[in-house]
C-alpha atoms as a PDB file:
ATOM      1  CA  MET A   1      88.032 116.094  86.345  1.00  0.00           C
ATOM      2  CA  ALA A   2      90.997 115.970  84.126  1.00  0.00           C
ATOM      3  CA  GLN A   3      93.075 118.070  86.358  1.00  0.00           C
ATOM      4  CA  GLU A   4      92.107 115.628  89.288  1.00  0.00           C
ATOM      5  CA  LYS A   5      93.410 112.690  87.239  1.00  0.00           C
ATOM      6  CA  ASP A   6      96.543 114.653  86.299  1.00  0.00           C
ATOM      7  CA  ASN A   7      97.333 114.874  89.962  1.00  0.00           C
ATOM      8  CA  PHE A   8      96.457 111.383  90.733  1.00  0.00           C
ATOM      9  CA  PHE A   9      98.612 109.948  87.850  1.00  0.00           C
ATOM     10  CA  LYS A  10     101.591 112.294  89.002  1.00  0.00           C
ATOM     11  CA  ILE A  11     101.376 110.472  92.491  1.00  0.00           C
ATOM     12  CA  PHE A  12     101.022 107.070  90.855  1.00  0.00           C
ATOM     13  CA  PHE A  13     104.266 107.573  88.674  1.00  0.00           C
ATOM     14  CA  GLN A  14     106.208 108.406  91.993  1.00  0.00           C
ATOM     15  CA  ASN A  15     106.292 104.593  92.472  1.00  0.00           C
ATOM     16  CA  LYS A  16     109.395 102.851  91.175  1.00  0.00           C
ATOM     17  CA  LEU A  17     107.401  99.595  90.037  1.00  0.00           C
ATOM     18  CA  ILE A  18     105.021 101.640  87.984  1.00  0.00           C
ATOM     19  CA  VAL A  19     107.865 103.636  86.400  1.00  0.00           C
ATOM     20  CA  LYS A  20     109.909 100.679  85.927  1.00  0.00           C
ATOM     21  CA  GLU A  21     107.118  98.843  84.041  1.00  0.00           C
ATOM     22  CA  PHE A  22     106.000 101.762  82.009  1.00  0.00           C
ATOM     23  CA  LEU A  23     109.584 102.099  80.698  1.00  0.00           C
ATOM     24  CA  LEU A  24     110.054  98.448  79.801  1.00  0.00           C
ATOM     25  CA  TYR A  25     106.567  97.536  78.616  1.00  0.00           C
ATOM     26  CA  LEU A  26     105.417 100.776  76.907  1.00  0.00           C
ATOM     27  CA  VAL A  27     108.374 102.914  75.825  1.00  0.00           C
ATOM     28  CA  LYS A  28     110.266  99.852  74.671  1.00  0.00           C
ATOM     29  CA  GLU A  29     113.245 101.948  73.171  1.00  0.00           C
ATOM     30  CA  ASP A  30     116.600  99.827  73.100  1.00  0.00           C
ATOM     31  CA  TRP A  31     118.132 102.318  75.502  1.00  0.00           C
ATOM     32  CA  VAL A  32     115.790 101.372  78.230  1.00  0.00           C
ATOM     33  CA  ASN A  33     117.584  97.657  78.476  1.00  0.00           C
ATOM     34  CA  ASP A  34     120.733  99.389  79.469  1.00  0.00           C
ATOM     35  CA  LEU A  35     118.905 101.181  82.458  1.00  0.00           C
ATOM     36  CA  ASP A  36     120.069 100.064  85.857  1.00  0.00           C
ATOM     37  CA  PHE A  37     116.394 100.090  87.664  1.00  0.00           C
ATOM     38  CA  SER A  38     117.943  99.347  91.028  1.00  0.00           C
ATOM     39  CA  THR A  39     119.354 102.963  90.885  1.00  0.00           C
ATOM     40  CA  LEU A  40     115.881 104.620  90.262  1.00  0.00           C
ATOM     41  CA  GLU A  41     115.629 107.664  92.474  1.00  0.00           C
ATOM     42  CA  PHE A  42     112.644 110.257  92.384  1.00  0.00           C
ATOM     43  CA  VAL A  43     113.635 113.769  91.943  1.00  0.00           C
ATOM     44  CA  LYS A  44     111.540 116.456  93.665  1.00  0.00           C
ATOM     45  CA  THR A  45     111.629 119.467  91.581  1.00  0.00           C
ATOM     46  CA  ASP A  46     111.166 122.653  93.249  1.00  0.00           C
ATOM     47  CA  TYR A  47     110.891 125.849  91.121  1.00  0.00           C
ATOM     48  CA  LYS A  48     110.302 129.491  91.983  1.00  0.00           C
ATOM     49  CA  SER A  49     108.449 129.981  88.854  1.00  0.00           C
ATOM     50  CA  LYS A  50     104.870 130.280  89.449  1.00  0.00           C
ATOM     51  CA  ARG A  51     104.245 129.067  85.881  1.00  0.00           C
ATOM     52  CA  MET A  52     106.430 125.980  86.187  1.00  0.00           C
ATOM     53  CA  ALA A  53     104.746 125.133  89.631  1.00  0.00           C
ATOM     54  CA  LYS A  54     101.583 124.581  87.906  1.00  0.00           C
ATOM     55  CA  ARG A  55     103.113 121.626  85.745  1.00  0.00           C
ATOM     56  CA  GLU A  56     101.366 119.354  88.077  1.00  0.00           C
ATOM     57  CA  SER A  57     101.610 116.217  85.903  1.00  0.00           C
ATOM     58  CA  ASP A  58     105.535 116.377  85.456  1.00  0.00           C
ATOM     59  CA  VAL A  59     107.418 113.651  87.059  1.00  0.00           C
ATOM     60  CA  ALA A  60     111.229 113.140  87.192  1.00  0.00           C
ATOM     61  CA  TRP A  61     113.462 110.275  87.856  1.00  0.00           C
ATOM     62  CA  LYS A  62     117.260 109.870  88.019  1.00  0.00           C
ATOM     63  CA  ILE A  63     118.654 106.620  86.844  1.00  0.00           C
ATOM     64  CA  LYS A  64     121.983 105.297  85.701  1.00  0.00           C
ATOM     65  CA  TYR A  65     122.473 104.349  82.053  1.00  0.00           C
ATOM     66  CA  ASN A  66     125.653 102.601  81.017  1.00  0.00           C
ATOM     67  CA  GLU A  67     127.145 103.691  84.569  1.00  0.00           C
ATOM     68  CA  ASN A  68     126.268 107.238  83.797  1.00  0.00           C
ATOM     69  CA  GLU A  69     123.294 109.263  85.151  1.00  0.00           C
ATOM     70  CA  ILE A  70     120.449 110.661  83.091  1.00  0.00           C
ATOM     71  CA  PHE A  71     117.112 112.047  84.135  1.00  0.00           C
ATOM     72  CA  ILE A  72     113.695 110.877  82.597  1.00  0.00           C
ATOM     73  CA  VAL A  73     110.912 113.293  82.879  1.00  0.00           C
ATOM     74  CA  ILE A  74     107.350 111.991  82.353  1.00  0.00           C
ATOM     75  CA  HIS A  75     104.517 114.122  81.483  1.00  0.00           C
ATOM     76  CA  ILE A  76     101.177 112.970  81.571  1.00  0.00           C
ATOM     77  CA  GLU A  77      98.127 114.182  79.763  1.00  0.00           C
ATOM     78  CA  VAL A  78      94.567 112.765  80.449  1.00  0.00           C
ATOM     79  CA  GLN A  79      92.153 114.496  78.327  1.00  0.00           C
ATOM     80  CA  VAL A  80      93.906 116.956  76.080  1.00  0.00           C
ATOM     81  CA  LYS A  81      93.404 116.790  72.456  1.00  0.00           C
ATOM     82  CA  ASN A  82      96.424 117.417  69.934  1.00  0.00           C
ATOM     83  CA  ASP A  83      98.605 120.202  71.066  1.00  0.00           C
ATOM     84  CA  ASN A  84     101.829 121.208  69.074  1.00  0.00           C
ATOM     85  CA  THR A  85     102.746 123.628  71.966  1.00  0.00           C
ATOM     86  CA  MET A  86     103.767 120.239  73.866  1.00  0.00           C
ATOM     87  CA  LEU A  87     107.083 120.576  72.301  1.00  0.00           C
ATOM     88  CA  LEU A  88     107.256 124.234  73.556  1.00  0.00           C
ATOM     89  CA  ARG A  89     105.964 123.064  76.958  1.00  0.00           C
ATOM     90  CA  PHE A  90     108.601 120.291  77.246  1.00  0.00           C
ATOM     91  CA  LEU A  91     111.481 122.703  76.018  1.00  0.00           C
ATOM     92  CA  GLU A  92     110.488 125.128  78.857  1.00  0.00           C
ATOM     93  CA  TYR A  93     110.466 122.840  81.819  1.00  0.00           C
ATOM     94  CA  ILE A  94     113.503 120.961  80.453  1.00  0.00           C
ATOM     95  CA  GLY A  95     115.352 124.552  80.272  1.00  0.00           C
ATOM     96  CA  TYR A  96     114.551 125.102  83.941  1.00  0.00           C
ATOM     97  CA  PHE A  97     115.727 121.619  84.755  1.00  0.00           C
ATOM     98  CA  TYR A  98     118.894 122.162  83.089  1.00  0.00           C
ATOM     99  CA  GLU A  99     119.399 125.736  84.618  1.00  0.00           C
ATOM    100  CA  ASN A 100     118.795 124.256  88.258  1.00  0.00           C
ATOM    101  CA  GLN A 101     121.457 121.582  87.450  1.00  0.00           C
ATOM    102  CA  TYR A 102     123.978 124.256  86.142  1.00  0.00           C
ATOM    103  CA  LYS A 103     123.598 126.300  88.978  1.00  0.00           C
ATOM    104  CA  SER A 104     125.017 123.671  91.534  1.00  0.00           C
ATOM    105  CA  LEU A 105     127.674 122.375  89.169  1.00  0.00           C
ATOM    106  CA  THR A 106     131.413 122.160  89.931  1.00  0.00           C
ATOM    107  CA  LYS A 107     134.064 123.508  87.490  1.00  0.00           C
ATOM    108  CA  ASP A 108     134.743 120.259  85.524  1.00  0.00           C
ATOM    109  CA  GLU A 109     130.951 118.778  85.817  1.00  0.00           C
ATOM    110  CA  LYS A 110     128.695 118.763  82.864  1.00  0.00           C
ATOM    111  CA  ILE A 111     124.701 118.771  83.150  1.00  0.00           C
ATOM    112  CA  ILE A 112     123.042 115.433  83.185  1.00  0.00           C
ATOM    113  CA  PRO A 113     120.794 114.472  79.932  1.00  0.00           C
ATOM    114  CA  VAL A 114     116.887 114.778  80.329  1.00  0.00           C
ATOM    115  CA  ILE A 115     114.866 112.414  78.584  1.00  0.00           C
ATOM    116  CA  PRO A 116     111.378 113.673  77.925  1.00  0.00           C
ATOM    117  CA  ILE A 117     108.512 111.228  77.712  1.00  0.00           C
ATOM    118  CA  LEU A 118     104.830 111.887  77.187  1.00  0.00           C
ATOM    119  CA  LEU A 119     102.081 109.536  78.358  1.00  0.00           C
ATOM    120  CA  HIS A 120      98.371 110.360  76.527  1.00  0.00           C
ATOM    121  CA  ILE A 121      95.547 108.660  78.476  1.00  0.00           C
ATOM    122  CA  GLY A 122      92.746 110.506  76.474  1.00  0.00           C
ATOM    123  CA  LYS A 123      90.337 108.989  74.348  1.00  0.00           C
ATOM    124  CA  ASP A 124      91.331 111.001  71.131  1.00  0.00           C
ATOM    125  CA  ASN A 125      94.155 110.412  68.910  1.00  0.00           C
ATOM    126  CA  TRP A 126      97.392 112.049  69.531  1.00  0.00           C
ATOM    127  CA  ASN A 127      99.173 113.435  66.078  1.00  0.00           C
ATOM    128  CA  ALA A 128     100.982 116.288  67.565  1.00  0.00           C
ATOM    129  CA  LYS A 129     104.422 116.981  66.444  1.00  0.00           C
ATOM    130  CA  THR A 130     107.190 115.343  68.515  1.00  0.00           C
ATOM    131  CA  LYS A 131     110.116 117.081  66.604  1.00  0.00           C
ATOM    132  CA  PHE A 132     110.955 120.784  67.008  1.00  0.00           C
ATOM    133  CA  HIS A 133     112.336 120.678  63.637  1.00  0.00           C
ATOM    134  CA  ASP A 134     109.010 119.875  62.174  1.00  0.00           C
ATOM    135  CA  LEU A 135     107.375 123.068  63.501  1.00  0.00           C
ATOM    136  CA  VAL A 136     110.037 125.466  61.924  1.00  0.00           C
ATOM    137  CA  ASN A 137     109.733 126.685  58.376  1.00  0.00           C
ATOM    138  CA  PHE A 138     113.372 126.181  56.997  1.00  0.00           C
ATOM    139  CA  HIS A 139     113.933 128.619  54.056  1.00  0.00           C
ATOM    140  CA  ASP A 140     117.663 127.916  53.797  1.00  0.00           C
ATOM    141  CA  LYS A 141     119.256 124.653  55.138  1.00  0.00           C
ATOM    142  CA  ARG A 142     122.297 126.296  55.955  1.00  0.00           C
ATOM    143  CA  LEU A 143     120.460 127.862  58.817  1.00  0.00           C
ATOM    144  CA  GLU A 144     119.354 124.394  60.155  1.00  0.00           C
ATOM    145  CA  LYS A 145     122.349 123.923  62.475  1.00  0.00           C
ATOM    146  CA  TYR A 146     121.003 127.082  64.431  1.00  0.00           C
ATOM    147  CA  ILE A 147     117.768 125.441  65.021  1.00  0.00           C
ATOM    148  CA  ILE A 148     117.131 123.319  68.186  1.00  0.00           C
ATOM    149  CA  ASN A 149     117.382 119.573  67.645  1.00  0.00           C
ATOM    150  CA  PHE A 150     114.948 118.386  70.054  1.00  0.00           C
ATOM    151  CA  GLU A 151     112.244 115.666  70.275  1.00  0.00           C
ATOM    152  CA  TYR A 152     110.102 113.780  72.922  1.00  0.00           C
ATOM    153  CA  PHE A 153     108.882 110.128  73.074  1.00  0.00           C
ATOM    154  CA  SER A 154     105.225 109.705  73.024  1.00  0.00           C
ATOM    155  CA  VAL A 155     103.135 106.707  74.455  1.00  0.00           C
ATOM    156  CA  VAL A 156      99.513 106.920  73.350  1.00  0.00           C
ATOM    157  CA  LEU A 157      97.426 104.660  75.422  1.00  0.00           C
ATOM    158  CA  LYS A 158      94.796 104.724  72.270  1.00  0.00           C
ATOM    159  CA  ASP A 159      97.315 103.318  70.058  1.00  0.00           C
ATOM    160  CA  ILE A 160      98.221 100.377  72.134  1.00  0.00           C
ATOM    161  CA  SER A 161      95.960  97.354  71.811  1.00  0.00           C
ATOM    162  CA  LYS A 162      94.395  95.843  74.894  1.00  0.00           C
ATOM    163  CA  LYS A 163      95.923  92.334  73.961  1.00  0.00           C
ATOM    164  CA  GLU A 164      99.235  93.837  74.139  1.00  0.00           C
ATOM    165  CA  LEU A 165      98.506  95.334  77.627  1.00  0.00           C
ATOM    166  CA  LEU A 166      97.725  91.888  78.823  1.00  0.00           C
ATOM    167  CA  GLU A 167     100.338  89.933  77.370  1.00  0.00           C
ATOM    168  CA  ALA A 168     102.963  91.954  79.291  1.00  0.00           C
ATOM    169  CA  GLU A 169     103.704  90.517  82.867  1.00  0.00           C
ATOM    170  CA  SER A 170     103.046  93.937  84.403  1.00  0.00           C
ATOM    171  CA  LEU A 171     100.735  95.288  87.156  1.00  0.00           C
ATOM    172  CA  PHE A 172     100.805  98.782  85.372  1.00  0.00           C
ATOM    173  CA  THR A 173      99.693  97.632  81.882  1.00  0.00           C
ATOM    174  CA  ARG A 174      96.953  95.406  83.180  1.00  0.00           C
ATOM    175  CA  LEU A 175      95.271  98.298  85.068  1.00  0.00           C
ATOM    176  CA  LEU A 176      95.579 100.311  82.055  1.00  0.00           C
ATOM    177  CA  ALA A 177      93.870  97.319  80.310  1.00  0.00           C
ATOM    178  CA  LEU A 178      90.887  97.808  82.710  1.00  0.00           C
ATOM    179  CA  ASN A 179      90.177 101.042  81.049  1.00  0.00           C
ATOM    180  CA  LYS A 180      89.836  99.284  77.813  1.00  0.00           C
ATOM    181  CA  SER A 181      87.047  96.867  78.805  1.00  0.00           C
ATOM    182  CA  LYS A 182      84.129  96.825  76.477  1.00  0.00           C
ATOM    183  CA  ASN A 183      81.618  95.360  78.896  1.00  0.00           C
ATOM    184  CA  GLU A 184      81.022  93.736  82.337  1.00  0.00           C
ATOM    185  CA  ASN A 185      82.375  90.347  81.449  1.00  0.00           C
ATOM    186  CA  ASP A 186      85.471  91.723  79.501  1.00  0.00           C
ATOM    187  CA  PHE A 187      85.924  93.897  82.810  1.00  0.00           C
ATOM    188  CA  LYS A 188      85.841  90.716  85.239  1.00  0.00           C
ATOM    189  CA  GLU A 189      88.104  88.712  82.941  1.00  0.00           C
ATOM    190  CA  THR A 190      90.794  91.654  82.835  1.00  0.00           C
ATOM    191  CA  PHE A 191      90.708  92.028  86.371  1.00  0.00           C
ATOM    192  CA  LYS A 192      91.605  88.525  87.260  1.00  0.00           C
ATOM    193  CA  LYS A 193      94.263  88.507  84.861  1.00  0.00           C
ATOM    194  CA  LEU A 194      95.588  91.951  86.952  1.00  0.00           C
ATOM    195  CA  PHE A 195      95.129  89.939  90.171  1.00  0.00           C
ATOM    196  CA  ASN A 196      97.291  86.993  88.717  1.00  0.00           C
ATOM    197  CA  ILE A 197     100.072  89.522  88.958  1.00  0.00           C
ATOM    198  CA  VAL A 198      99.614  89.802  92.728  1.00  0.00           C
ATOM    199  CA  PHE A 199      99.459  86.016  93.362  1.00  0.00           C
ATOM    200  CA  GLN A 200     102.782  85.813  91.684  1.00  0.00           C
ATOM    201  CA  PHE A 201     104.444  87.446  95.020  1.00  0.00           C
ATOM    202  CA  GLU A 202     104.566  85.060  98.046  1.00  0.00           C
ATOM    203  CA  ASP A 203     105.484  87.878 100.537  1.00  0.00           C
ATOM    204  CA  VAL A 204     102.327  89.271 102.396  1.00  0.00           C
ATOM    205  CA  ASN A 205     103.986  92.692 102.254  1.00  0.00           C
ATOM    206  CA  ASP A 206     104.422  92.684  98.875  1.00  0.00           C
ATOM    207  CA  ARG A 207     101.093  91.670  97.925  1.00  0.00           C
ATOM    208  CA  LYS A 208      99.703  94.283 100.356  1.00  0.00           C
ATOM    209  CA  ARG A 209     101.636  97.250  98.289  1.00  0.00           C
ATOM    210  CA  LEU A 210     100.447  95.873  94.951  1.00  0.00           C
ATOM    211  CA  LYS A 211      96.617  95.734  96.297  1.00  0.00           C
ATOM    212  CA  ASN A 212      97.123  99.500  97.636  1.00  0.00           C
ATOM    213  CA  LEU A 213      98.059 100.447  94.066  1.00  0.00           C
ATOM    214  CA  ILE A 214      95.235  98.823  92.724  1.00  0.00           C
ATOM    215  CA  SER A 215      92.845 100.255  95.141  1.00  0.00           C
ATOM    216  CA  LEU A 216      94.150 103.659  94.540  1.00  0.00           C
ATOM    217  CA  TYR A 217      93.886 103.110  90.716  1.00  0.00           C
ATOM    218  CA  VAL A 218      90.188 101.771  90.704  1.00  0.00           C
ATOM    219  CA  GLU A 219      89.244 104.855  92.938  1.00  0.00           C
ATOM    220  CA  GLU A 220      90.597 107.177  90.822  1.00  0.00           C
ATOM    221  CA  ALA A 221      91.012 106.047  87.282  1.00  0.00           C
ATOM    222  CA  ILE A 222      88.271 103.435  86.619  1.00  0.00           C
ATOM    223  CA  ASN A 223      84.603 104.649  85.700  1.00  0.00           C
ATOM    224  CA  LEU A 224      82.033 102.500  87.673  1.00  0.00           C
ATOM    225  CA  LYS A 225      79.184 103.341  89.682  1.00  0.00           C
ATOM    226  CA  LYS A 226      79.891 104.007  93.173  1.00  0.00           C
ATOM    227  CA  SER A 227      78.206 100.994  94.612  1.00  0.00           C
ATOM    228  CA  GLN A 228      80.283  98.786  91.996  1.00  0.00           C
ATOM    229  CA  LYS A 229      83.430 100.697  92.966  1.00  0.00           C
ATOM    230  CA  ASP A 230      82.692 100.087  96.522  1.00  0.00           C
ATOM    231  CA  LYS A 231      82.331  96.347  96.209  1.00  0.00           C
ATOM    232  CA  LEU A 232      85.461  96.097  94.040  1.00  0.00           C
ATOM    233  CA  LEU A 233      87.672  97.813  96.444  1.00  0.00           C
ATOM    234  CA  GLU A 234      86.374  95.692  99.366  1.00  0.00           C
ATOM    235  CA  ILE A 235      87.179  92.580  97.219  1.00  0.00           C
ATOM    236  CA  ILE A 236      90.862  94.016  96.925  1.00  0.00           C
ATOM    237  CA  ASP A 237      91.106  94.655 100.323  1.00  0.00           C
ATOM    238  CA  ASN A 238      90.186  91.390 101.601  1.00  0.00           C
ATOM    239  CA  TYR A 239      90.716  88.784  98.895  1.00  0.00           C
ATOM    240  CA  ASN A 240      93.653  86.389  99.095  1.00  0.00           C
ATOM    241  CA  MET A 241      92.765  83.522  96.826  1.00  0.00           C
ATOM    242  CA  GLU A 242      93.013  82.589  93.261  1.00  0.00           C
ATOM    243  CA  GLY A 243      90.583  80.778  91.014  1.00  0.00           C
ATOM    244  CA  ASP A 244      86.838  80.294  90.645  1.00  0.00           C
ATOM    245  CA  MET A 245      86.218  82.146  94.042  1.00  0.00           C
ATOM    246  CA  LEU A 246      87.650  85.550  92.491  1.00  0.00           C
ATOM    247  CA  SER A 247      85.091  85.120  89.682  1.00  0.00           C
ATOM    248  CA  TRP A 248      82.268  84.587  92.295  1.00  0.00           C
ATOM    249  CA  ASN A 249      83.200  87.634  93.965  1.00  0.00           C
ATOM    250  CA  LEU A 250      83.566  89.861  90.846  1.00  0.00           C
ATOM    251  CA  ASP A 251      80.086  88.557  89.727  1.00  0.00           C
ATOM    252  CA  HIS A 252      78.628  90.272  92.712  1.00  0.00           C
ATOM    253  CA  VAL A 253      80.336  93.779  91.885  1.00  0.00           C
ATOM    254  CA  PHE A 254      77.610  94.155  88.825  1.00  0.00           C
ATOM    255  CA  ASP A 255      74.598  92.497  90.731  1.00  0.00           C
ATOM    256  CA  GLU A 256      72.428  95.583  91.231  1.00  0.00           C
ATOM    257  CA  ARG A 257      69.841  93.331  93.218  1.00  0.00           C
ATOM    258  CA  GLU A 258      72.559  92.262  95.682  1.00  0.00           C
ATOM    259  CA  GLN A 259      73.582  95.897  96.366  1.00  0.00           C
ATOM    260  CA  LYS A 260      69.990  96.917  97.503  1.00  0.00           C
ATOM    261  CA  GLY A 261      70.320  94.169 100.041  1.00  0.00           C
ATOM    262  CA  ILE A 262      73.858  95.460 100.923  1.00  0.00           C
ATOM    263  CA  GLU A 263      72.619  98.781 101.360  1.00  0.00           C
ATOM    264  CA  LYS A 264      70.029  97.486 103.849  1.00  0.00           C
ATOM    265  CA  GLY A 265      72.548  95.746 105.770  1.00  0.00           C
ATOM    266  CA  ILE A 266      74.797  98.415 105.964  1.00  0.00           C
ATOM    267  CA  GLU A 267      72.012 100.247 107.946  1.00  0.00           C
ATOM    268  CA  LYS A 268      71.948  97.598 110.496  1.00  0.00           C
ATOM    269  CA  GLY A 269      75.640  97.725 110.812  1.00  0.00           C
ATOM    270  CA  ILE A 270      78.725  95.970 109.228  1.00  0.00           C
ATOM    271  CA  GLU A 271      81.010  93.600 111.057  1.00  0.00           C
ATOM    272  CA  LYS A 272      83.645  95.617 113.135  1.00  0.00           C
ATOM    273  CA  GLY A 273      86.487  93.402 111.667  1.00  0.00           C
ATOM    274  CA  LYS A 274      85.931  94.210 108.147  1.00  0.00           C
ATOM    275  CA  VAL A 275      85.386  98.057 108.717  1.00  0.00           C
ATOM    276  CA  GLU A 276      88.522  98.161 110.748  1.00  0.00           C
ATOM    277  CA  GLY A 277      90.673  95.965 107.990  1.00  0.00           C
ATOM    278  CA  LYS A 278      89.359  98.169 105.409  1.00  0.00           C
ATOM    279  CA  ILE A 279      90.351 101.424 107.455  1.00  0.00           C
ATOM    280  CA  GLU A 280      93.726 100.031 107.913  1.00  0.00           C
ATOM    281  CA  GLY A 281      94.313  99.532 104.305  1.00  0.00           C
ATOM    282  CA  ARG A 282      93.226 102.997 103.511  1.00  0.00           C
ATOM    283  CA  ILE A 283      95.480 104.498 106.260  1.00  0.00           C
ATOM    284  CA  GLU A 284      98.606 102.618 104.895  1.00  0.00           C
ATOM    285  CA  THR A 285      97.726 103.995 101.400  1.00  0.00           C
ATOM    286  CA  ALA A 286      97.390 107.375 102.870  1.00  0.00           C
ATOM    287  CA  ILE A 287     100.994 107.107 104.499  1.00  0.00           C
ATOM    288  CA  GLU A 288     102.436 106.012 101.221  1.00  0.00           C
ATOM    289  CA  MET A 289     100.942 108.972  99.304  1.00  0.00           C
ATOM    290  CA  LEU A 290     102.001 111.378 102.152  1.00  0.00           C
ATOM    291  CA  LYS A 291     105.621 110.085 101.897  1.00  0.00           C
ATOM    292  CA  LEU A 292     105.358 110.783  98.179  1.00  0.00           C
ATOM    293  CA  GLY A 293     104.430 114.497  98.795  1.00  0.00           C
ATOM    294  CA  ALA A 294     100.781 114.234  98.034  1.00  0.00           C
ATOM    295  CA  GLU A 295      98.488 116.991  99.009  1.00  0.00           C
ATOM    296  CA  ILE A 296      96.388 116.439 102.239  1.00  0.00           C
ATOM    297  CA  ALA A 297      93.169 117.354 100.292  1.00  0.00           C
ATOM    298  CA  PHE A 298      94.118 114.930  97.531  1.00  0.00           C
ATOM    299  CA  VAL A 299      94.903 112.132 100.013  1.00  0.00           C
ATOM    300  CA  GLN A 300      91.550 112.561 101.633  1.00  0.00           C
ATOM    301  CA  LYS A 301      89.720 112.340  98.418  1.00  0.00           C
ATOM    302  CA  ALA A 302      91.516 109.188  97.224  1.00  0.00           C
ATOM    303  CA  THR A 303      91.201 107.416 100.659  1.00  0.00           C
ATOM    304  CA  LYS A 304      88.008 108.811 101.944  1.00  0.00           C
ATOM    305  CA  LEU A 305      89.517 109.054 105.356  1.00  0.00           C
ATOM    306  CA  PRO A 306      88.582 112.032 107.637  1.00  0.00           C
ATOM    307  CA  LEU A 307      90.495 115.056 107.061  1.00  0.00           C
ATOM    308  CA  GLU A 308      91.485 115.252 110.840  1.00  0.00           C
ATOM    309  CA  LYS A 309      93.251 111.650 110.528  1.00  0.00           C
ATOM    310  CA  ILE A 310      95.131 112.534 107.547  1.00  0.00           C
ATOM    311  CA  GLU A 311      96.380 115.582 109.296  1.00  0.00           C
ATOM    312  CA  GLU A 312      97.201 113.316 112.108  1.00  0.00           C
ATOM    313  CA  LEU A 313      99.173 111.031 109.934  1.00  0.00           C
ATOM    314  CA  LYS A 314     101.192 113.885 108.309  1.00  0.00           C
ATOM    315  CA  LYS A 315     102.119 115.178 111.681  1.00  0.00           C
ATOM    316  CA  GLU A 316     103.428 111.795 112.800  1.00  0.00           C
ATOM    317  CA  LEU A 317     105.458 111.415 109.476  1.00  0.00           C
ATOM    318  CA  ASN A 318     107.105 115.106 110.062  1.00  0.00           C
ATOM    319  CA  TRP A 319     107.911 114.075 113.638  1.00  0.00           C
ATOM    320  CA  ASN A 320     109.712 110.914 112.571  1.00  0.00           C
ATOM    321  CA  GLU A 321     111.881 112.586 109.656  1.00  0.00           C
END
């Protein structure tokens, strides 16, 4: 299960908006203010090492920082407890990253800096060492200059309050806030604040893209009963209004009595227009995931589309490239 969520977040962090909001609202280091987010460029890593290929949850982006380029590597851990080997794993990954850069340099070029960031989404505290010097036993300060001076920046979801996540005008932080909901009413109030972000966009296509991201997150990262999740996904697909009507619809997500009636209605048949609209939305999500390099099996699990349909979409994308 943890591996599946790692894979999901890798796909999720191939979206520019999510990466931008993650850096602005959760990393919040001074240097982030000097990033030119219009230059964000996803970096597809392709290492021959089998060991490196297993690092499913590492995502790399290139961006301009004070007119110079840097790489930002984000590693997502979902359930892993404190792990001091994270430092060594980051070092190994970045070593391969630098090595691959160096092979393509011209005579006067230098390698581009890599900034490592950890996002920990597990329920446990994360107190692992983030500085390599803290792992090394120094017997003599004169040797210190020979020891690697390396550290990574960590963002630990457990240490961030729900209030802080909701205060940011950010789709990503409000999605994370859903995971911190204490009960049904808390979840509904959080979801309404999440949808307020969607309503800030007037363009229909912009709203559709945001709703696709929300649907994907709900499908893969939110713990709800299947019946509740299905109703919530339907609200996301079809709802385009603010206010009390959204509250009314959310009330039905947790109404188990109504669910029995829905299941009975499904047996008699669902309106064709609703079905087609829902399928269309899932097809759009599948296309976006395939463009980002997601595996067919993972796309099928996330969208619930027939495998044959996803393979057909994949062929169409390859044909148009």
